[in-house]
Amino acid sequence: MRTLICGSIAYDNIMVFPDHFKNHILPEKIHMLNVAFLVPEMRREFGGCAGNIAYNLKMLGGEPVMMATVGDDFSPYSTRFEQLSITQEYVQHVPDTFTAQAFITTDLADNQITAFHPGAMNFSHLNSVENAHDISLGIIAPDGRDGMLQHAREFHEAGIPFIFDPGQGLPMYNGTELLDFIDMADYIAVNDYEGQMLQDRTGCHLESLASKAKALIITLGAQGSVIYANGEKFEIPCVTPTEIIDPTGCGDAYRAGLLYGIVNHMDWNMAGQLASLMGSLKIARRGGQNHQFSRDEIDQYYFENFGHRIF
């Protein structure tokens, strides 16, 4: 069953500064900052919420369908999707733009300075859910502001259930707009920080927000996650990773597991456990799409952690 993933496709340019930022920033000159950091180590990763979620969902055996806007520099990413057999039928090229990308510089203390260029992502409203066919479930992940609003309305009008996953896009919306999203969505997914911001902006407690949807999912990092559904609270443990290397894309991997579980009518404990496992498998690799596992391997990891099979 096809799952429509509305969100960003982006490049992550990750640089390592072999020193500490604090040694090169003069506190008394912070009002006129002018610094340069030599970064001899750099890598470019495939990323973006839609790209990451699709990658993980495909790994699980799902049918991800991305809806995103990309720029003139998309060709290497397009080739990757072809190799992965991930459809690009609703990935729209916007001429004279760059594909969205982040430029992240990390120092030896793991402090980060990040610049994000949205590029083609700002034109996500050029895509329409109405043009997508044979969709059984959707997700609205961080994307262009107008596109997220439009796609939520289109999912709702088409009667297609979807997850509202505002992520880092949450600050773009006021309380009224967020409540509109929640009223239209079937599921809500946030991390604990975003959950607090959602409460502050809407003036509603999480229990009240949970009552407006079929499920409210809150991820808690190393403390696992909590799912409020059917008047119950399901506490999902964190799966201990083999290594902790890079959290980039862990939330997207979790959401892929969640989408797979919903589409395949799993109960909330099982869907949450699969989601937790996917986040754990990802964190042991750098970047959002460098972990590779077969369905049999995922099934075995699930069995080792939860005592029964998932597939």
C-alpha atoms as a PDB file:
ATOM      1  CA  MET A   1       0.000   0.000   0.000  1.00  0.00           C
ATOM      2  CA  ARG A   2       1.421   3.361  -1.054  1.00  0.00           C
ATOM      3  CA  THR A   3       2.354   5.933   1.571  1.00  0.00           C
ATOM      4  CA  LEU A   4       2.621   9.584   0.473  1.00  0.00           C
ATOM      5  CA  ILE A   5       5.486  11.397   2.191  1.00  0.00           C
ATOM      6  CA  CYS A   6       5.209  15.181   1.941  1.00  0.00           C
ATOM      7  CA  GLY A   7       8.417  16.817   3.104  1.00  0.00           C
ATOM      8  CA  SER A   8      11.871  18.025   2.217  1.00  0.00           C
ATOM      9  CA  ILE A   9      14.561  16.475   0.091  1.00  0.00           C
ATOM     10  CA  ALA A  10      17.910  17.987   1.024  1.00  0.00           C
ATOM     11  CA  TYR A  11      21.665  17.676   1.029  1.00  0.00           C
ATOM     12  CA  ASP A  12      23.513  17.790   4.356  1.00  0.00           C
ATOM     13  CA  ASN A  13      27.001  19.271   4.017  1.00  0.00           C
ATOM     14  CA  ILE A  14      28.815  18.298   7.217  1.00  0.00           C
ATOM     15  CA  MET A  15      32.178  19.824   8.110  1.00  0.00           C
ATOM     16  CA  VAL A  16      34.465  19.202  11.063  1.00  0.00           C
ATOM     17  CA  PHE A  17      36.506  22.025  12.577  1.00  0.00           C
ATOM     18  CA  PRO A  18      39.504  20.416  14.382  1.00  0.00           C
ATOM     19  CA  ASP A  19      39.497  22.934  17.222  1.00  0.00           C
ATOM     20  CA  HIS A  20      37.024  24.679  19.522  1.00  0.00           C
ATOM     21  CA  PHE A  21      34.861  27.567  18.373  1.00  0.00           C
ATOM     22  CA  LYS A  22      35.453  29.296  21.714  1.00  0.00           C
ATOM     23  CA  ASN A  23      39.146  29.680  20.879  1.00  0.00           C
ATOM     24  CA  HIS A  24      38.312  31.775  17.799  1.00  0.00           C
ATOM     25  CA  ILE A  25      35.402  33.898  18.970  1.00  0.00           C
ATOM     26  CA  LEU A  26      36.188  36.976  21.036  1.00  0.00           C
ATOM     27  CA  PRO A  27      33.310  37.577  23.491  1.00  0.00           C
ATOM     28  CA  GLU A  28      33.877  41.339  23.506  1.00  0.00           C
ATOM     29  CA  LYS A  29      33.539  41.373  19.681  1.00  0.00           C
ATOM     30  CA  ILE A  30      30.398  39.259  19.405  1.00  0.00           C
ATOM     31  CA  HIS A  31      28.447  42.289  18.119  1.00  0.00           C
ATOM     32  CA  MET A  32      30.736  42.487  15.089  1.00  0.00           C
ATOM     33  CA  LEU A  33      31.490  38.832  14.497  1.00  0.00           C
ATOM     34  CA  ASN A  34      33.741  38.016  11.551  1.00  0.00           C
ATOM     35  CA  VAL A  35      35.283  34.560  11.772  1.00  0.00           C
ATOM     36  CA  ALA A  36      36.438  31.865   9.388  1.00  0.00           C
ATOM     37  CA  PHE A  37      36.959  28.204  10.219  1.00  0.00           C
ATOM     38  CA  LEU A  38      39.274  25.944   8.237  1.00  0.00           C
ATOM     39  CA  VAL A  39      37.439  22.627   7.795  1.00  0.00           C
ATOM     40  CA  PRO A  40      39.751  20.020   6.231  1.00  0.00           C
ATOM     41  CA  GLU A  41      37.139  17.289   6.725  1.00  0.00           C
ATOM     42  CA  MET A  42      33.826  17.478   4.858  1.00  0.00           C
ATOM     43  CA  ARG A  43      31.215  15.049   3.644  1.00  0.00           C
ATOM     44  CA  ARG A  44      27.959  15.446   1.769  1.00  0.00           C
ATOM     45  CA  GLU A  45      25.045  13.286   2.848  1.00  0.00           C
ATOM     46  CA  PHE A  46      21.656  12.630   1.309  1.00  0.00           C
ATOM     47  CA  GLY A  47      18.987  13.925   3.662  1.00  0.00           C
ATOM     48  CA  GLY A  48      15.736  15.804   4.092  1.00  0.00           C
ATOM     49  CA  CYS A  49      12.769  14.387   5.985  1.00  0.00           C
ATOM     50  CA  ALA A  50      10.976  12.979   2.919  1.00  0.00           C
ATOM     51  CA  GLY A  51      14.151  11.385   1.590  1.00  0.00           C
ATOM     52  CA  ASN A  52      15.081   9.852   4.949  1.00  0.00           C
ATOM     53  CA  ILE A  53      11.595   8.526   5.692  1.00  0.00           C
ATOM     54  CA  ALA A  54      11.281   7.052   2.201  1.00  0.00           C
ATOM     55  CA  TYR A  55      14.696   5.373   2.513  1.00  0.00           C
ATOM     56  CA  ASN A  56      13.749   3.672   5.785  1.00  0.00           C
ATOM     57  CA  LEU A  57      10.233   2.737   4.680  1.00  0.00           C
ATOM     58  CA  LYS A  58      11.620   1.114   1.518  1.00  0.00           C
ATOM     59  CA  MET A  59      14.046  -0.864   3.670  1.00  0.00           C
ATOM     60  CA  LEU A  60      11.082  -2.226   5.624  1.00  0.00           C
ATOM     61  CA  GLY A  61       9.351  -3.315   2.430  1.00  0.00           C
ATOM     62  CA  GLY A  62       6.875  -0.434   2.298  1.00  0.00           C
ATOM     63  CA  GLU A  63       5.867   1.585  -0.750  1.00  0.00           C
ATOM     64  CA  PRO A  64       7.056   5.158  -0.145  1.00  0.00           C
ATOM     65  CA  VAL A  65       5.887   7.870  -2.528  1.00  0.00           C
ATOM     66  CA  MET A  66       7.663  11.203  -2.008  1.00  0.00           C
ATOM     67  CA  MET A  67       6.063  14.560  -2.712  1.00  0.00           C
ATOM     68  CA  ALA A  68       8.750  17.236  -2.710  1.00  0.00           C
ATOM     69  CA  THR A  69      10.328  20.058  -4.697  1.00  0.00           C
ATOM     70  CA  VAL A  70      13.986  20.029  -5.752  1.00  0.00           C
ATOM     71  CA  GLY A  71      16.465  22.273  -7.551  1.00  0.00           C
ATOM     72  CA  ASP A  72      18.881  22.175 -10.468  1.00  0.00           C
ATOM     73  CA  ASP A  73      21.471  20.226  -8.442  1.00  0.00           C
ATOM     74  CA  PHE A  74      19.167  17.260  -7.788  1.00  0.00           C
ATOM     75  CA  SER A  75      20.715  14.846 -10.293  1.00  0.00           C
ATOM     76  CA  PRO A  76      22.970  12.847  -7.890  1.00  0.00           C
ATOM     77  CA  TYR A  77      20.064  12.379  -5.484  1.00  0.00           C
ATOM     78  CA  SER A  78      17.744  11.375  -8.335  1.00  0.00           C
ATOM     79  CA  THR A  79      20.228   8.702  -9.393  1.00  0.00           C
ATOM     80  CA  ARG A  80      20.270   7.396  -5.832  1.00  0.00           C
ATOM     81  CA  PHE A  81      16.477   7.096  -5.746  1.00  0.00           C
ATOM     82  CA  GLU A  82      16.588   5.208  -9.044  1.00  0.00           C
ATOM     83  CA  GLN A  83      19.111   2.767  -7.587  1.00  0.00           C
ATOM     84  CA  LEU A  84      16.878   2.277  -4.548  1.00  0.00           C
ATOM     85  CA  SER A  85      13.773   1.830  -6.740  1.00  0.00           C
ATOM     86  CA  ILE A  86      11.996   4.671  -4.929  1.00  0.00           C
ATOM     87  CA  THR A  87       9.493   6.380  -7.189  1.00  0.00           C
ATOM     88  CA  GLN A  88      10.010  10.069  -8.022  1.00  0.00           C
ATOM     89  CA  GLU A  89       6.685  10.612  -9.773  1.00  0.00           C
ATOM     90  CA  TYR A  90       5.724  13.487  -7.434  1.00  0.00           C
ATOM     91  CA  VAL A  91       9.172  15.022  -7.017  1.00  0.00           C
ATOM     92  CA  GLN A  92       8.974  18.326  -8.883  1.00  0.00           C
ATOM     93  CA  HIS A  93      11.957  20.235 -10.244  1.00  0.00           C
ATOM     94  CA  VAL A  94      11.857  24.011  -9.688  1.00  0.00           C
ATOM     95  CA  PRO A  95      14.160  25.704 -12.234  1.00  0.00           C
ATOM     96  CA  ASP A  96      16.789  28.205 -11.115  1.00  0.00           C
ATOM     97  CA  THR A  97      16.805  26.980  -7.510  1.00  0.00           C
ATOM     98  CA  PHE A  98      19.036  24.791  -5.376  1.00  0.00           C
ATOM     99  CA  THR A  99      17.775  21.687  -3.638  1.00  0.00           C
ATOM    100  CA  ALA A 100      17.369  22.476   0.076  1.00  0.00           C
ATOM    101  CA  GLN A 101      20.582  22.014   1.984  1.00  0.00           C
ATOM    102  CA  ALA A 102      22.173  22.402   5.366  1.00  0.00           C
ATOM    103  CA  PHE A 103      25.755  23.459   6.031  1.00  0.00           C
ATOM    104  CA  ILE A 104      26.791  22.114   9.429  1.00  0.00           C
ATOM    105  CA  THR A 105      30.145  22.822  11.064  1.00  0.00           C
ATOM    106  CA  THR A 106      30.991  20.844  14.205  1.00  0.00           C
ATOM    107  CA  ASP A 107      33.908  21.536  16.538  1.00  0.00           C
ATOM    108  CA  LEU A 108      35.776  19.125  18.847  1.00  0.00           C
ATOM    109  CA  ALA A 109      33.250  19.715  21.651  1.00  0.00           C
ATOM    110  CA  ASP A 110      30.367  18.752  19.330  1.00  0.00           C
ATOM    111  CA  ASN A 111      29.153  22.349  19.213  1.00  0.00           C
ATOM    112  CA  GLN A 112      27.499  23.105  15.893  1.00  0.00           C
ATOM    113  CA  ILE A 113      26.995  26.124  13.668  1.00  0.00           C
ATOM    114  CA  THR A 114      24.369  25.434  11.023  1.00  0.00           C
ATOM    115  CA  ALA A 115      23.122  27.404   8.050  1.00  0.00           C
ATOM    116  CA  PHE A 116      20.065  26.101   6.187  1.00  0.00           C
ATOM    117  CA  HIS A 117      19.078  27.154   2.682  1.00  0.00           C
ATOM    118  CA  PRO A 118      15.494  26.074   1.854  1.00  0.00           C
ATOM    119  CA  GLY A 119      15.832  26.658  -1.880  1.00  0.00           C
ATOM    120  CA  ALA A 120      13.257  24.679  -3.856  1.00  0.00           C
ATOM    121  CA  MET A 121      11.560  23.601  -0.624  1.00  0.00           C
ATOM    122  CA  ASN A 122       9.927  27.038  -0.490  1.00  0.00           C
ATOM    123  CA  PHE A 123       7.898  26.007  -3.537  1.00  0.00           C
ATOM    124  CA  SER A 124       6.422  22.833  -2.039  1.00  0.00           C
ATOM    125  CA  HIS A 125       2.932  24.293  -2.540  1.00  0.00           C
ATOM    126  CA  LEU A 126       3.381  23.679  -6.295  1.00  0.00           C
ATOM    127  CA  ASN A 127       2.692  20.017  -5.554  1.00  0.00           C
ATOM    128  CA  SER A 128      -0.844  18.837  -4.821  1.00  0.00           C
ATOM    129  CA  VAL A 129      -2.012  15.752  -2.944  1.00  0.00           C
ATOM    130  CA  GLU A 130      -4.941  15.695  -5.371  1.00  0.00           C
ATOM    131  CA  ASN A 131      -2.549  14.511  -8.093  1.00  0.00           C
ATOM    132  CA  ALA A 132      -1.377  11.477  -6.120  1.00  0.00           C
ATOM    133  CA  HIS A 133      -3.114   8.171  -6.768  1.00  0.00           C
ATOM    134  CA  ASP A 134      -3.685   4.974  -4.774  1.00  0.00           C
ATOM    135  CA  ILE A 135      -2.528   6.472  -1.487  1.00  0.00           C
ATOM    136  CA  SER A 136      -3.587   4.726   1.717  1.00  0.00           C
ATOM    137  CA  LEU A 137      -1.697   6.859   4.274  1.00  0.00           C
ATOM    138  CA  GLY A 138       0.241  10.107   4.316  1.00  0.00           C
ATOM    139  CA  ILE A 139       2.588  12.141   6.439  1.00  0.00           C
ATOM    140  CA  ILE A 140       3.260  15.873   6.485  1.00  0.00           C
ATOM    141  CA  ALA A 141       6.874  16.287   7.544  1.00  0.00           C
ATOM    142  CA  PRO A 142       8.807  19.593   7.722  1.00  0.00           C
ATOM    143  CA  ASP A 143       8.583  21.389   4.382  1.00  0.00           C
ATOM    144  CA  GLY A 144       7.750  24.813   2.975  1.00  0.00           C
ATOM    145  CA  ARG A 145       5.206  26.657   5.121  1.00  0.00           C
ATOM    146  CA  ASP A 146       2.535  27.099   2.439  1.00  0.00           C
ATOM    147  CA  GLY A 147       2.989  23.553   1.203  1.00  0.00           C
ATOM    148  CA  MET A 148       2.415  22.035   4.637  1.00  0.00           C
ATOM    149  CA  LEU A 149      -0.818  23.991   5.101  1.00  0.00           C
ATOM    150  CA  GLN A 150      -2.067  23.122   1.629  1.00  0.00           C
ATOM    151  CA  HIS A 151      -1.215  19.442   1.818  1.00  0.00           C
ATOM    152  CA  ALA A 152      -2.964  19.049   5.174  1.00  0.00           C
ATOM    153  CA  ARG A 153      -6.160  20.494   3.711  1.00  0.00           C
ATOM    154  CA  GLU A 154      -5.870  18.251   0.655  1.00  0.00           C
ATOM    155  CA  PHE A 155      -5.310  15.094   2.693  1.00  0.00           C
ATOM    156  CA  HIS A 156      -8.310  15.982   4.839  1.00  0.00           C
ATOM    157  CA  GLU A 157     -10.585  16.787   1.897  1.00  0.00           C
ATOM    158  CA  ALA A 158      -9.580  13.553   0.143  1.00  0.00           C
ATOM    159  CA  GLY A 159     -10.290  11.507   3.265  1.00  0.00           C
ATOM    160  CA  ILE A 160      -6.727  10.147   3.353  1.00  0.00           C
ATOM    161  CA  PRO A 161      -5.470   9.577   6.926  1.00  0.00           C
ATOM    162  CA  PHE A 162      -2.177  11.300   7.677  1.00  0.00           C
ATOM    163  CA  ILE A 163       0.396  11.985  10.360  1.00  0.00           C
ATOM    164  CA  PHE A 164       1.104  15.612  11.237  1.00  0.00           C
ATOM    165  CA  ASP A 165       4.839  15.754  11.987  1.00  0.00           C
ATOM    166  CA  PRO A 166       5.771  19.452  12.245  1.00  0.00           C
ATOM    167  CA  GLY A 167       9.340  18.896  13.448  1.00  0.00           C
ATOM    168  CA  GLN A 168      11.604  21.899  13.011  1.00  0.00           C
ATOM    169  CA  GLY A 169       8.830  23.593  11.023  1.00  0.00           C
ATOM    170  CA  LEU A 170       6.644  23.964  14.109  1.00  0.00           C
ATOM    171  CA  PRO A 171       7.832  27.516  14.989  1.00  0.00           C
ATOM    172  CA  MET A 172       6.444  28.759  11.631  1.00  0.00           C
ATOM    173  CA  TYR A 173       2.865  28.396  12.903  1.00  0.00           C
ATOM    174  CA  ASN A 174       0.788  30.115  15.534  1.00  0.00           C
ATOM    175  CA  GLY A 175      -1.568  28.336  17.918  1.00  0.00           C
ATOM    176  CA  THR A 176      -4.631  28.642  15.698  1.00  0.00           C
ATOM    177  CA  GLU A 177      -2.813  27.210  12.696  1.00  0.00           C
ATOM    178  CA  LEU A 178      -1.443  24.319  14.742  1.00  0.00           C
ATOM    179  CA  LEU A 179      -4.922  23.488  16.037  1.00  0.00           C
ATOM    180  CA  ASP A 180      -6.174  23.503  12.443  1.00  0.00           C
ATOM    181  CA  PHE A 181      -3.479  20.971  11.533  1.00  0.00           C
ATOM    182  CA  ILE A 182      -4.418  18.824  14.525  1.00  0.00           C
ATOM    183  CA  ASP A 183      -8.141  18.949  13.730  1.00  0.00           C
ATOM    184  CA  MET A 184      -7.427  17.652  10.221  1.00  0.00           C
ATOM    185  CA  ALA A 185      -4.777  15.072  11.110  1.00  0.00           C
ATOM    186  CA  ASP A 186      -5.418  11.489  12.200  1.00  0.00           C
ATOM    187  CA  TYR A 187      -2.086  11.151  14.001  1.00  0.00           C
ATOM    188  CA  ILE A 188       0.358  13.626  15.591  1.00  0.00           C
ATOM    189  CA  ALA A 189       4.084  12.917  16.000  1.00  0.00           C
ATOM    190  CA  VAL A 190       6.501  15.184  17.896  1.00  0.00           C
ATOM    191  CA  ASN A 191       9.551  14.919  20.104  1.00  0.00           C
ATOM    192  CA  ASP A 192       9.358  16.030  23.742  1.00  0.00           C
ATOM    193  CA  TYR A 193      10.621  19.560  23.017  1.00  0.00           C
ATOM    194  CA  GLU A 194       8.154  20.013  20.167  1.00  0.00           C
ATOM    195  CA  GLY A 195       5.416  18.594  22.372  1.00  0.00           C
ATOM    196  CA  GLN A 196       6.067  21.301  24.953  1.00  0.00           C
ATOM    197  CA  MET A 197       6.071  23.968  22.251  1.00  0.00           C
ATOM    198  CA  LEU A 198       2.809  22.553  20.888  1.00  0.00           C
ATOM    199  CA  GLN A 199       1.248  22.906  24.336  1.00  0.00           C
ATOM    200  CA  ASP A 200       2.551  26.445  24.780  1.00  0.00           C
ATOM    201  CA  ARG A 201       1.355  27.670  21.391  1.00  0.00           C
ATOM    202  CA  THR A 202      -2.074  26.019  21.409  1.00  0.00           C
ATOM    203  CA  GLY A 203      -2.794  26.458  25.115  1.00  0.00           C
ATOM    204  CA  CYS A 204      -3.844  22.783  25.233  1.00  0.00           C
ATOM    205  CA  HIS A 205      -2.384  20.029  27.395  1.00  0.00           C
ATOM    206  CA  LEU A 206      -1.043  16.960  25.613  1.00  0.00           C
ATOM    207  CA  GLU A 207      -3.919  14.841  26.937  1.00  0.00           C
ATOM    208  CA  SER A 208      -6.373  17.240  25.323  1.00  0.00           C
ATOM    209  CA  LEU A 209      -4.457  17.221  22.034  1.00  0.00           C
ATOM    210  CA  ALA A 210      -4.325  13.418  22.109  1.00  0.00           C
ATOM    211  CA  SER A 211      -8.112  13.280  22.327  1.00  0.00           C
ATOM    212  CA  LYS A 212      -8.342  15.118  19.010  1.00  0.00           C
ATOM    213  CA  ALA A 213      -6.484  12.384  17.086  1.00  0.00           C
ATOM    214  CA  LYS A 214      -6.349   8.618  16.777  1.00  0.00           C
ATOM    215  CA  ALA A 215      -2.888   8.754  18.331  1.00  0.00           C
ATOM    216  CA  LEU A 216      -0.345  11.230  19.689  1.00  0.00           C
ATOM    217  CA  ILE A 217       3.238   9.976  19.506  1.00  0.00           C
ATOM    218  CA  ILE A 218       5.974  11.640  21.559  1.00  0.00           C
ATOM    219  CA  THR A 219       9.596  10.546  21.171  1.00  0.00           C
ATOM    220  CA  LEU A 220      11.859  10.958  24.193  1.00  0.00           C
ATOM    221  CA  GLY A 221      15.307  10.153  22.828  1.00  0.00           C
ATOM    222  CA  ALA A 222      17.156   7.645  25.024  1.00  0.00           C
ATOM    223  CA  GLN A 223      14.042   7.355  27.230  1.00  0.00           C
ATOM    224  CA  GLY A 224      12.058   5.748  24.397  1.00  0.00           C
ATOM    225  CA  SER A 225       8.668   7.098  23.353  1.00  0.00           C
ATOM    226  CA  VAL A 226       5.064   7.372  24.486  1.00  0.00           C
ATOM    227  CA  ILE A 227       1.959   6.772  22.405  1.00  0.00           C
ATOM    228  CA  TYR A 228      -1.440   8.043  23.537  1.00  0.00           C
ATOM    229  CA  ALA A 229      -4.183   6.163  21.692  1.00  0.00           C
ATOM    230  CA  ASN A 230      -7.614   4.696  22.361  1.00  0.00           C
ATOM    231  CA  GLY A 231      -7.657   6.322  25.783  1.00  0.00           C
ATOM    232  CA  GLU A 232      -4.492   4.447  26.751  1.00  0.00           C
ATOM    233  CA  LYS A 233      -0.843   5.334  27.231  1.00  0.00           C
ATOM    234  CA  PHE A 234       1.669   2.979  25.619  1.00  0.00           C
ATOM    235  CA  GLU A 235       5.228   3.324  26.902  1.00  0.00           C
ATOM    236  CA  ILE A 236       7.696   2.178  24.253  1.00  0.00           C
ATOM    237  CA  PRO A 237      11.222   1.391  25.452  1.00  0.00           C
ATOM    238  CA  CYS A 238      14.308   2.604  23.655  1.00  0.00           C
ATOM    239  CA  VAL A 239      16.183  -0.138  21.820  1.00  0.00           C
ATOM    240  CA  THR A 240      19.801  -0.056  22.955  1.00  0.00           C
ATOM    241  CA  PRO A 241      21.944   0.651  19.886  1.00  0.00           C
ATOM    242  CA  THR A 242      25.139  -1.207  19.099  1.00  0.00           C
ATOM    243  CA  GLU A 243      26.871   2.203  18.944  1.00  0.00           C
ATOM    244  CA  ILE A 244      25.869   5.829  19.320  1.00  0.00           C
ATOM    245  CA  ILE A 245      27.439   7.584  16.345  1.00  0.00           C
ATOM    246  CA  ASP A 246      25.065  10.188  14.902  1.00  0.00           C
ATOM    247  CA  PRO A 247      21.441  11.077  15.802  1.00  0.00           C
ATOM    248  CA  THR A 248      20.841  12.741  12.418  1.00  0.00           C
ATOM    249  CA  GLY A 249      17.753  11.163  10.846  1.00  0.00           C
ATOM    250  CA  CYS A 250      16.778   9.020  13.852  1.00  0.00           C
ATOM    251  CA  GLY A 251      13.380  10.708  14.081  1.00  0.00           C
ATOM    252  CA  ASP A 252      12.764  10.033  10.390  1.00  0.00           C
ATOM    253  CA  ALA A 253      13.708   6.361  10.816  1.00  0.00           C
ATOM    254  CA  TYR A 254      11.290   6.152  13.757  1.00  0.00           C
ATOM    255  CA  ARG A 255       8.502   7.643  11.657  1.00  0.00           C
ATOM    256  CA  ALA A 256       9.109   5.152   8.876  1.00  0.00           C
ATOM    257  CA  GLY A 257       8.567   2.337  11.362  1.00  0.00           C
ATOM    258  CA  LEU A 258       5.425   4.042  12.577  1.00  0.00           C
ATOM    259  CA  LEU A 259       4.065   4.446   9.047  1.00  0.00           C
ATOM    260  CA  TYR A 260       4.775   0.800   8.266  1.00  0.00           C
ATOM    261  CA  GLY A 261       3.019  -0.270  11.436  1.00  0.00           C
ATOM    262  CA  ILE A 262      -0.096   1.805  10.754  1.00  0.00           C
ATOM    263  CA  VAL A 263      -0.392   0.690   7.126  1.00  0.00           C
ATOM    264  CA  ASN A 264      -0.048  -2.940   8.170  1.00  0.00           C
ATOM    265  CA  HIS A 265      -2.580  -2.644  11.003  1.00  0.00           C
ATOM    266  CA  MET A 266      -0.145  -3.409  13.820  1.00  0.00           C
ATOM    267  CA  ASP A 267      -1.218  -2.650  17.383  1.00  0.00           C
ATOM    268  CA  TRP A 268       0.392   0.405  18.979  1.00  0.00           C
ATOM    269  CA  ASN A 269       2.895  -1.547  21.050  1.00  0.00           C
ATOM    270  CA  MET A 270       4.210  -3.369  17.992  1.00  0.00           C
ATOM    271  CA  ALA A 271       4.238  -0.266  15.763  1.00  0.00           C
ATOM    272  CA  GLY A 272       6.044   1.710  18.454  1.00  0.00           C
ATOM    273  CA  GLN A 273       8.579  -1.055  19.018  1.00  0.00           C
ATOM    274  CA  LEU A 274       9.366  -1.294  15.307  1.00  0.00           C
ATOM    275  CA  ALA A 275       9.733   2.495  15.164  1.00  0.00           C
ATOM    276  CA  SER A 276      12.058   2.435  18.165  1.00  0.00           C
ATOM    277  CA  LEU A 277      14.164  -0.300  16.562  1.00  0.00           C
ATOM    278  CA  MET A 278      14.514   1.664  13.319  1.00  0.00           C
ATOM    279  CA  GLY A 279      15.781   4.708  15.229  1.00  0.00           C
ATOM    280  CA  SER A 280      18.297   2.521  17.072  1.00  0.00           C
ATOM    281  CA  LEU A 281      19.612   0.955  13.863  1.00  0.00           C
ATOM    282  CA  LYS A 282      20.091   4.405  12.351  1.00  0.00           C
ATOM    283  CA  ILE A 283      21.956   6.011  15.240  1.00  0.00           C
ATOM    284  CA  ALA A 284      24.845   3.547  14.820  1.00  0.00           C
ATOM    285  CA  ARG A 285      25.711   5.052  11.401  1.00  0.00           C
ATOM    286  CA  ARG A 286      26.650   8.551  10.276  1.00  0.00           C
ATOM    287  CA  GLY A 287      24.180  10.475   8.131  1.00  0.00           C
ATOM    288  CA  GLY A 288      20.508   9.832   7.577  1.00  0.00           C
ATOM    289  CA  GLN A 289      20.782   7.113   4.934  1.00  0.00           C
ATOM    290  CA  ASN A 290      23.940   5.060   5.456  1.00  0.00           C
ATOM    291  CA  HIS A 291      22.452   2.225   7.502  1.00  0.00           C
ATOM    292  CA  GLN A 292      21.533  -0.818   5.410  1.00  0.00           C
ATOM    293  CA  PHE A 293      19.600  -3.827   6.688  1.00  0.00           C
ATOM    294  CA  SER A 294      17.523  -6.538   5.057  1.00  0.00           C
ATOM    295  CA  ARG A 295      14.013  -7.326   6.270  1.00  0.00           C
ATOM    296  CA  ASP A 296      15.356 -10.583   7.709  1.00  0.00           C
ATOM    297  CA  GLU A 297      17.995  -8.691   9.691  1.00  0.00           C
ATOM    298  CA  ILE A 298      15.421  -6.201  10.995  1.00  0.00           C
ATOM    299  CA  ASP A 299      13.155  -9.104  11.926  1.00  0.00           C
ATOM    300  CA  GLN A 300      15.985 -10.772  13.823  1.00  0.00           C
ATOM    301  CA  TYR A 301      16.887  -7.585  15.695  1.00  0.00           C
ATOM    302  CA  TYR A 302      13.217  -7.154  16.587  1.00  0.00           C
ATOM    303  CA  PHE A 303      13.054 -10.747  17.866  1.00  0.00           C
ATOM    304  CA  GLU A 304      16.181 -10.264  19.985  1.00  0.00           C
ATOM    305  CA  ASN A 305      14.733  -7.143  21.614  1.00  0.00           C
ATOM    306  CA  PHE A 306      11.047  -8.016  21.940  1.00  0.00           C
ATOM    307  CA  GLY A 307      10.842 -11.799  21.860  1.00  0.00           C
ATOM    308  CA  HIS A 308       8.686 -12.296  18.773  1.00  0.00           C
ATOM    309  CA  ARG A 309       8.797 -11.711  15.030  1.00  0.00           C
ATOM    310  CA  ILE A 310       7.636  -8.585  13.249  1.00  0.00           C
ATOM    311  CA  PHE A 311       7.298  -9.876   9.656  1.00  0.00           C
END
